[in-house]
């Protein structure tokens, strides 16, 4: 049996098909801030596949949920 998997922000960006270097992640977060009324999965910068992945993983409260929560907080300036 596999142990608990903990994904990093770098893993998430790779999964989303984005540049997953530390510098690219920081640049993405700095230039894609969301207002308080926009949920992460409704952000206008995701393509359909990215949006579907985010929604499905949050719905399942899957192993990606913690890192998605972190990304959500950072994109909302928290």
PDB file of N, CA and C in Angstrom:
ATOM      1  N   UNK A   1       0.841  -1.190   0.000  1.00  0.00           N
ATOM      2  CA  UNK A   1       0.000   0.000   0.000  1.00  0.00           C
ATOM      3  C   UNK A   1       0.882   1.249   0.000  1.00  0.00           C
ATOM      4  N   UNK A   2       0.520   2.194  -0.819  1.00  0.00           N
ATOM      5  CA  UNK A   2       1.273   3.434  -0.886  1.00  0.00           C
ATOM      6  C   UNK A   2       0.928   4.321   0.293  1.00  0.00           C
ATOM      7  N   UNK A   3       1.906   5.073   0.749  1.00  0.00           N
ATOM      8  CA  UNK A   3       1.663   6.037   1.813  1.00  0.00           C
ATOM      9  C   UNK A   3       0.911   7.238   1.279  1.00  0.00           C
ATOM     10  N   UNK A   4       0.641   8.157   2.163  1.00  0.00           N
ATOM     11  CA  UNK A   4      -0.033   9.383   1.739  1.00  0.00           C
ATOM     12  C   UNK A   4       0.870  10.157   0.794  1.00  0.00           C
ATOM     13  N   UNK A   5       0.307  10.575  -0.306  1.00  0.00           N
ATOM     14  CA  UNK A   5       1.041  11.359  -1.283  1.00  0.00           C
ATOM     15  C   UNK A   5       0.790  12.831  -0.989  1.00  0.00           C
ATOM     16  N   UNK A   6       1.853  13.595  -0.941  1.00  0.00           N
ATOM     17  CA  UNK A   6       1.720  15.038  -0.780  1.00  0.00           C
ATOM     18  C   UNK A   6       2.337  15.695  -1.995  1.00  0.00           C
ATOM     19  N   UNK A   7       1.512  16.388  -2.741  1.00  0.00           N
ATOM     20  CA  UNK A   7       1.979  17.071  -3.932  1.00  0.00           C
ATOM     21  C   UNK A   7       2.477  18.464  -3.587  1.00  0.00           C
ATOM     22  N   UNK A   8       3.385  18.944  -4.404  1.00  0.00           N
ATOM     23  CA  UNK A   8       3.914  20.294  -4.249  1.00  0.00           C
ATOM     24  C   UNK A   8       3.258  21.201  -5.284  1.00  0.00           C
ATOM     25  N   UNK A   9       3.480  22.488  -5.131  1.00  0.00           N
ATOM     26  CA  UNK A   9       2.990  23.450  -6.118  1.00  0.00           C
ATOM     27  C   UNK A   9       3.622  23.148  -7.476  1.00  0.00           C
ATOM     28  N   UNK A  10       4.884  22.730  -7.470  1.00  0.00           N
ATOM     29  CA  UNK A  10       5.562  22.384  -8.715  1.00  0.00           C
ATOM     30  C   UNK A  10       4.852  21.210  -9.400  1.00  0.00           C
ATOM     31  N   UNK A  11       4.439  20.213  -8.620  1.00  0.00           N
ATOM     32  CA  UNK A  11       3.704  19.075  -9.163  1.00  0.00           C
ATOM     33  C   UNK A  11       2.375  19.519  -9.768  1.00  0.00           C
ATOM     34  N   UNK A  12       1.681  20.413  -9.074  1.00  0.00           N
ATOM     35  CA  UNK A  12       0.394  20.894  -9.557  1.00  0.00           C
ATOM     36  C   UNK A  12       0.547  21.629 -10.888  1.00  0.00           C
ATOM     37  N   UNK A  13       1.529  22.501 -10.981  1.00  0.00           N
ATOM     38  CA  UNK A  13       1.725  23.237 -12.227  1.00  0.00           C
ATOM     39  C   UNK A  13       2.087  22.292 -13.366  1.00  0.00           C
ATOM     40  N   UNK A  14       2.882  21.276 -13.082  1.00  0.00           N
ATOM     41  CA  UNK A  14       3.198  20.279 -14.112  1.00  0.00           C
ATOM     42  C   UNK A  14       1.930  19.547 -14.537  1.00  0.00           C
ATOM     43  N   UNK A  15       1.091  19.173 -13.581  1.00  0.00           N
ATOM     44  CA  UNK A  15      -0.165  18.481 -13.874  1.00  0.00           C
ATOM     45  C   UNK A  15      -1.080  19.346 -14.738  1.00  0.00           C
ATOM     46  N   UNK A  16      -1.039  20.647 -14.515  1.00  0.00           N
ATOM     47  CA  UNK A  16      -1.869  21.580 -15.286  1.00  0.00           C
ATOM     48  C   UNK A  16      -1.243  21.937 -16.634  1.00  0.00           C
ATOM     49  N   UNK A  17      -0.060  21.405 -16.909  1.00  0.00           N
ATOM     50  CA  UNK A  17       0.595  21.665 -18.180  1.00  0.00           C
ATOM     51  C   UNK A  17       1.256  23.030 -18.253  1.00  0.00           C
ATOM     52  N   UNK A  18       1.591  23.569 -17.088  1.00  0.00           N
ATOM     53  CA  UNK A  18       2.220  24.892 -17.016  1.00  0.00           C
ATOM     54  C   UNK A  18       3.687  24.739 -16.638  1.00  0.00           C
ATOM     55  N   UNK A  19       4.468  25.764 -16.928  1.00  0.00           N
ATOM     56  CA  UNK A  19       5.866  25.788 -16.501  1.00  0.00           C
ATOM     57  C   UNK A  19       5.882  25.643 -14.984  1.00  0.00           C
ATOM     58  N   UNK A  20       6.612  24.659 -14.494  1.00  0.00           N
ATOM     59  CA  UNK A  20       6.574  24.395 -13.056  1.00  0.00           C
ATOM     60  C   UNK A  20       7.867  24.754 -12.328  1.00  0.00           C
ATOM     61  N   UNK A  21       8.655  25.631 -12.927  1.00  0.00           N
ATOM     62  CA  UNK A  21       9.829  26.129 -12.206  1.00  0.00           C
ATOM     63  C   UNK A  21       9.354  27.080 -11.109  1.00  0.00           C
ATOM     64  N   UNK A  22      10.140  27.220 -10.078  1.00  0.00           N
ATOM     65  CA  UNK A  22       9.764  28.109  -8.975  1.00  0.00           C
ATOM     66  C   UNK A  22       9.516  29.532  -9.470  1.00  0.00           C
ATOM     67  N   UNK A  23      10.396  30.018 -10.343  1.00  0.00           N
ATOM     68  CA  UNK A  23      10.251  31.388 -10.847  1.00  0.00           C
ATOM     69  C   UNK A  23       8.968  31.543 -11.659  1.00  0.00           C
ATOM     70  N   UNK A  24       8.650  30.558 -12.484  1.00  0.00           N
ATOM     71  CA  UNK A  24       7.436  30.629 -13.304  1.00  0.00           C
ATOM     72  C   UNK A  24       6.182  30.587 -12.436  1.00  0.00           C
ATOM     73  N   UNK A  25       6.207  29.792 -11.382  1.00  0.00           N
ATOM     74  CA  UNK A  25       5.052  29.715 -10.478  1.00  0.00           C
ATOM     75  C   UNK A  25       4.842  31.058  -9.788  1.00  0.00           C
ATOM     76  N   UNK A  26       5.913  31.650  -9.274  1.00  0.00           N
ATOM     77  CA  UNK A  26       5.797  32.945  -8.607  1.00  0.00           C
ATOM     78  C   UNK A  26       5.299  34.013  -9.580  1.00  0.00           C
ATOM     79  N   UNK A  27       5.781  33.986 -10.812  1.00  0.00           N
ATOM     80  CA  UNK A  27       5.334  34.940 -11.831  1.00  0.00           C
ATOM     81  C   UNK A  27       3.854  34.736 -12.144  1.00  0.00           C
ATOM     82  N   UNK A  28       3.427  33.476 -12.282  1.00  0.00           N
ATOM     83  CA  UNK A  28       2.025  33.174 -12.568  1.00  0.00           C
ATOM     84  C   UNK A  28       1.131  33.721 -11.458  1.00  0.00           C
ATOM     85  N   UNK A  29       1.502  33.444 -10.220  1.00  0.00           N
ATOM     86  CA  UNK A  29       0.697  33.888  -9.082  1.00  0.00           C
ATOM     87  C   UNK A  29       0.649  35.419  -9.022  1.00  0.00           C
ATOM     88  N   UNK A  30       1.771  36.060  -9.266  1.00  0.00           N
ATOM     89  CA  UNK A  30       1.824  37.523  -9.209  1.00  0.00           C
ATOM     90  C   UNK A  30       0.972  38.169 -10.297  1.00  0.00           C
ATOM     91  N   UNK A  31       0.839  37.520 -11.441  1.00  0.00           N
ATOM     92  CA  UNK A  31       0.139  38.128 -12.575  1.00  0.00           C
ATOM     93  C   UNK A  31      -1.271  37.586 -12.794  1.00  0.00           C
ATOM     94  N   UNK A  32      -1.720  36.697 -11.926  1.00  0.00           N
ATOM     95  CA  UNK A  32      -3.054  36.112 -12.082  1.00  0.00           C
ATOM     96  C   UNK A  32      -3.880  36.226 -10.799  1.00  0.00           C
ATOM     97  N   UNK A  33      -3.748  37.323 -10.095  1.00  0.00           N
ATOM     98  CA  UNK A  33      -4.509  37.510  -8.857  1.00  0.00           C
ATOM     99  C   UNK A  33      -6.006  37.565  -9.151  1.00  0.00           C
ATOM    100  N   UNK A  34      -6.792  36.971  -8.259  1.00  0.00           N
ATOM    101  CA  UNK A  34      -8.244  36.906  -8.410  1.00  0.00           C
ATOM    102  C   UNK A  34      -8.924  37.811  -7.393  1.00  0.00           C
ATOM    103  N   UNK A  35     -10.071  38.363  -7.784  1.00  0.00           N
ATOM    104  CA  UNK A  35     -10.842  39.124  -6.806  1.00  0.00           C
ATOM    105  C   UNK A  35     -11.592  38.144  -5.907  1.00  0.00           C
ATOM    106  N   UNK A  36     -12.107  38.652  -4.806  1.00  0.00           N
ATOM    107  CA  UNK A  36     -12.716  37.772  -3.803  1.00  0.00           C
ATOM    108  C   UNK A  36     -13.954  37.041  -4.303  1.00  0.00           C
ATOM    109  N   UNK A  37     -14.580  37.534  -5.361  1.00  0.00           N
ATOM    110  CA  UNK A  37     -15.787  36.903  -5.888  1.00  0.00           C
ATOM    111  C   UNK A  37     -15.517  35.822  -6.924  1.00  0.00           C
ATOM    112  N   UNK A  38     -14.276  35.658  -7.335  1.00  0.00           N
ATOM    113  CA  UNK A  38     -13.947  34.665  -8.356  1.00  0.00           C
ATOM    114  C   UNK A  38     -13.339  33.431  -7.709  1.00  0.00           C
ATOM    115  N   UNK A  39     -14.017  32.313  -7.862  1.00  0.00           N
ATOM    116  CA  UNK A  39     -13.501  31.058  -7.334  1.00  0.00           C
ATOM    117  C   UNK A  39     -12.377  30.554  -8.229  1.00  0.00           C
ATOM    118  N   UNK A  40     -11.463  29.816  -7.642  1.00  0.00           N
ATOM    119  CA  UNK A  40     -10.328  29.292  -8.381  1.00  0.00           C
ATOM    120  C   UNK A  40     -10.759  28.558  -9.647  1.00  0.00           C
ATOM    121  N   UNK A  41     -11.747  27.698  -9.537  1.00  0.00           N
ATOM    122  CA  UNK A  41     -12.149  26.889 -10.696  1.00  0.00           C
ATOM    123  C   UNK A  41     -12.879  27.703 -11.763  1.00  0.00           C
ATOM    124  N   UNK A  42     -13.275  28.921 -11.453  1.00  0.00           N
ATOM    125  CA  UNK A  42     -13.935  29.791 -12.431  1.00  0.00           C
ATOM    126  C   UNK A  42     -13.007  30.868 -12.983  1.00  0.00           C
ATOM    127  N   UNK A  43     -11.739  30.815 -12.630  1.00  0.00           N
ATOM    128  CA  UNK A  43     -10.793  31.820 -13.118  1.00  0.00           C
ATOM    129  C   UNK A  43     -10.737  31.778 -14.641  1.00  0.00           C
ATOM    130  N   UNK A  44     -10.689  32.950 -15.268  1.00  0.00           N
ATOM    131  CA  UNK A  44     -10.762  33.018 -16.727  1.00  0.00           C
ATOM    132  C   UNK A  44      -9.519  32.513 -17.453  1.00  0.00           C
ATOM    133  N   UNK A  45      -8.436  32.291 -16.741  1.00  0.00           N
ATOM    134  CA  UNK A  45      -7.193  31.902 -17.402  1.00  0.00           C
ATOM    135  C   UNK A  45      -7.005  30.393 -17.557  1.00  0.00           C
ATOM    136  N   UNK A  46      -7.907  29.581 -17.012  1.00  0.00           N
ATOM    137  CA  UNK A  46      -7.794  28.126 -17.193  1.00  0.00           C
ATOM    138  C   UNK A  46      -8.411  27.704 -18.519  1.00  0.00           C
ATOM    139  N   UNK A  47      -7.816  26.707 -19.149  1.00  0.00           N
ATOM    140  CA  UNK A  47      -8.487  26.111 -20.304  1.00  0.00           C
ATOM    141  C   UNK A  47      -9.474  25.060 -19.782  1.00  0.00           C
ATOM    142  N   UNK A  48     -10.243  24.460 -20.662  1.00  0.00           N
ATOM    143  CA  UNK A  48     -11.279  23.520 -20.228  1.00  0.00           C
ATOM    144  C   UNK A  48     -10.714  22.335 -19.448  1.00  0.00           C
ATOM    145  N   UNK A  49      -9.586  21.792 -19.900  1.00  0.00           N
ATOM    146  CA  UNK A  49      -8.987  20.636 -19.225  1.00  0.00           C
ATOM    147  C   UNK A  49      -8.493  21.010 -17.828  1.00  0.00           C
ATOM    148  N   UNK A  50      -7.857  22.163 -17.707  1.00  0.00           N
ATOM    149  CA  UNK A  50      -7.368  22.613 -16.405  1.00  0.00           C
ATOM    150  C   UNK A  50      -8.530  22.853 -15.451  1.00  0.00           C
ATOM    151  N   UNK A  51      -9.548  23.521 -15.951  1.00  0.00           N
ATOM    152  CA  UNK A  51     -10.726  23.800 -15.132  1.00  0.00           C
ATOM    153  C   UNK A  51     -11.398  22.491 -14.686  1.00  0.00           C
ATOM    154  N   UNK A  52     -11.512  21.545 -15.594  1.00  0.00           N
ATOM    155  CA  UNK A  52     -12.114  20.257 -15.253  1.00  0.00           C
ATOM    156  C   UNK A  52     -11.320  19.518 -14.200  1.00  0.00           C
ATOM    157  N   UNK A  53     -10.001  19.534 -14.319  1.00  0.00           N
ATOM    158  CA  UNK A  53      -9.142  18.882 -13.331  1.00  0.00           C
ATOM    159  C   UNK A  53      -9.337  19.504 -11.958  1.00  0.00           C
ATOM    160  N   UNK A  54      -9.303  20.834 -11.893  1.00  0.00           N
ATOM    161  CA  UNK A  54      -9.449  21.524 -10.608  1.00  0.00           C
ATOM    162  C   UNK A  54     -10.805  21.196  -9.980  1.00  0.00           C
ATOM    163  N   UNK A  55     -11.862  21.277 -10.756  1.00  0.00           N
ATOM    164  CA  UNK A  55     -13.203  20.993 -10.221  1.00  0.00           C
ATOM    165  C   UNK A  55     -13.321  19.558  -9.735  1.00  0.00           C
ATOM    166  N   UNK A  56     -12.835  18.626 -10.518  1.00  0.00           N
ATOM    167  CA  UNK A  56     -12.952  17.210 -10.157  1.00  0.00           C
ATOM    168  C   UNK A  56     -12.154  16.889  -8.895  1.00  0.00           C
ATOM    169  N   UNK A  57     -10.956  17.401  -8.816  1.00  0.00           N
ATOM    170  CA  UNK A  57     -10.121  17.104  -7.647  1.00  0.00           C
ATOM    171  C   UNK A  57     -10.681  17.735  -6.382  1.00  0.00           C
ATOM    172  N   UNK A  58     -11.202  18.957  -6.495  1.00  0.00           N
ATOM    173  CA  UNK A  58     -11.837  19.579  -5.320  1.00  0.00           C
ATOM    174  C   UNK A  58     -13.100  18.834  -4.935  1.00  0.00           C
ATOM    175  N   UNK A  59     -13.891  18.418  -5.926  1.00  0.00           N
ATOM    176  CA  UNK A  59     -15.141  17.705  -5.648  1.00  0.00           C
ATOM    177  C   UNK A  59     -14.866  16.401  -4.905  1.00  0.00           C
ATOM    178  N   UNK A  60     -13.836  15.707  -5.322  1.00  0.00           N
ATOM    179  CA  UNK A  60     -13.478  14.431  -4.706  1.00  0.00           C
ATOM    180  C   UNK A  60     -12.737  14.619  -3.391  1.00  0.00           C
ATOM    181  N   UNK A  61     -12.352  15.860  -3.078  1.00  0.00           N
ATOM    182  CA  UNK A  61     -11.478  16.143  -1.934  1.00  0.00           C
ATOM    183  C   UNK A  61     -10.264  15.226  -2.015  1.00  0.00           C
ATOM    184  N   UNK A  62      -9.712  15.176  -3.209  1.00  0.00           N
ATOM    185  CA  UNK A  62      -8.629  14.255  -3.534  1.00  0.00           C
ATOM    186  C   UNK A  62      -7.294  14.734  -2.992  1.00  0.00           C
ATOM    187  N   UNK A  63      -6.264  13.955  -3.307  1.00  0.00           N
ATOM    188  CA  UNK A  63      -4.925  14.263  -2.801  1.00  0.00           C
ATOM    189  C   UNK A  63      -4.420  15.616  -3.277  1.00  0.00           C
ATOM    190  N   UNK A  64      -4.987  16.135  -4.347  1.00  0.00           N
ATOM    191  CA  UNK A  64      -4.584  17.446  -4.848  1.00  0.00           C
ATOM    192  C   UNK A  64      -5.237  18.588  -4.066  1.00  0.00           C
ATOM    193  N   UNK A  65      -6.212  18.310  -3.253  1.00  0.00           N
ATOM    194  CA  UNK A  65      -7.000  19.362  -2.595  1.00  0.00           C
ATOM    195  C   UNK A  65      -6.163  20.335  -1.770  1.00  0.00           C
ATOM    196  N   UNK A  66      -5.227  19.832  -1.016  1.00  0.00           N
ATOM    197  CA  UNK A  66      -4.435  20.717  -0.151  1.00  0.00           C
ATOM    198  C   UNK A  66      -3.633  21.717  -0.965  1.00  0.00           C
ATOM    199  N   UNK A  67      -3.012  21.257  -2.032  1.00  0.00           N
ATOM    200  CA  UNK A  67      -2.205  22.167  -2.842  1.00  0.00           C
ATOM    201  C   UNK A  67      -3.102  23.092  -3.656  1.00  0.00           C
ATOM    202  N   UNK A  68      -4.282  22.626  -4.058  1.00  0.00           N
ATOM    203  CA  UNK A  68      -5.246  23.506  -4.722  1.00  0.00           C
ATOM    204  C   UNK A  68      -5.716  24.594  -3.765  1.00  0.00           C
ATOM    205  N   UNK A  69      -5.927  24.240  -2.504  1.00  0.00           N
ATOM    206  CA  UNK A  69      -6.302  25.236  -1.501  1.00  0.00           C
ATOM    207  C   UNK A  69      -5.202  26.289  -1.341  1.00  0.00           C
ATOM    208  N   UNK A  70      -3.956  25.829  -1.339  1.00  0.00           N
ATOM    209  CA  UNK A  70      -2.839  26.770  -1.217  1.00  0.00           C
ATOM    210  C   UNK A  70      -2.792  27.709  -2.421  1.00  0.00           C
ATOM    211  N   UNK A  71      -2.950  27.149  -3.633  1.00  0.00           N
ATOM    212  CA  UNK A  71      -2.944  27.990  -4.828  1.00  0.00           C
ATOM    213  C   UNK A  71      -4.098  28.986  -4.774  1.00  0.00           C
ATOM    214  N   UNK A  72      -5.260  28.531  -4.368  1.00  0.00           N
ATOM    215  CA  UNK A  72      -6.417  29.403  -4.254  1.00  0.00           C
ATOM    216  C   UNK A  72      -6.120  30.573  -3.320  1.00  0.00           C
ATOM    217  N   UNK A  73      -5.565  30.290  -2.173  1.00  0.00           N
ATOM    218  CA  UNK A  73      -5.236  31.338  -1.209  1.00  0.00           C
ATOM    219  C   UNK A  73      -4.225  32.323  -1.787  1.00  0.00           C
ATOM    220  N   UNK A  74      -3.213  31.807  -2.458  1.00  0.00           N
ATOM    221  CA  UNK A  74      -2.176  32.695  -3.001  1.00  0.00           C
ATOM    222  C   UNK A  74      -2.706  33.544  -4.140  1.00  0.00           C
ATOM    223  N   UNK A  75      -3.606  32.997  -4.956  1.00  0.00           N
ATOM    224  CA  UNK A  75      -4.178  33.780  -6.051  1.00  0.00           C
ATOM    225  C   UNK A  75      -5.172  34.823  -5.552  1.00  0.00           C
ATOM    226  N   UNK A  76      -5.652  34.621  -4.340  1.00  0.00           N
ATOM    227  CA  UNK A  76      -6.548  35.605  -3.728  1.00  0.00           C
ATOM    228  C   UNK A  76      -5.789  36.536  -2.777  1.00  0.00           C
ATOM    229  N   UNK A  77      -4.480  36.478  -2.829  1.00  0.00           N
ATOM    230  CA  UNK A  77      -3.648  37.396  -2.044  1.00  0.00           C
ATOM    231  C   UNK A  77      -3.667  37.154  -0.562  1.00  0.00           C
ATOM    232  N   UNK A  78      -3.958  35.916  -0.166  1.00  0.00           N
ATOM    233  CA  UNK A  78      -4.010  35.599   1.272  1.00  0.00           C
ATOM    234  C   UNK A  78      -2.691  35.021   1.744  1.00  0.00           C
TER     235      UNK A  78
END
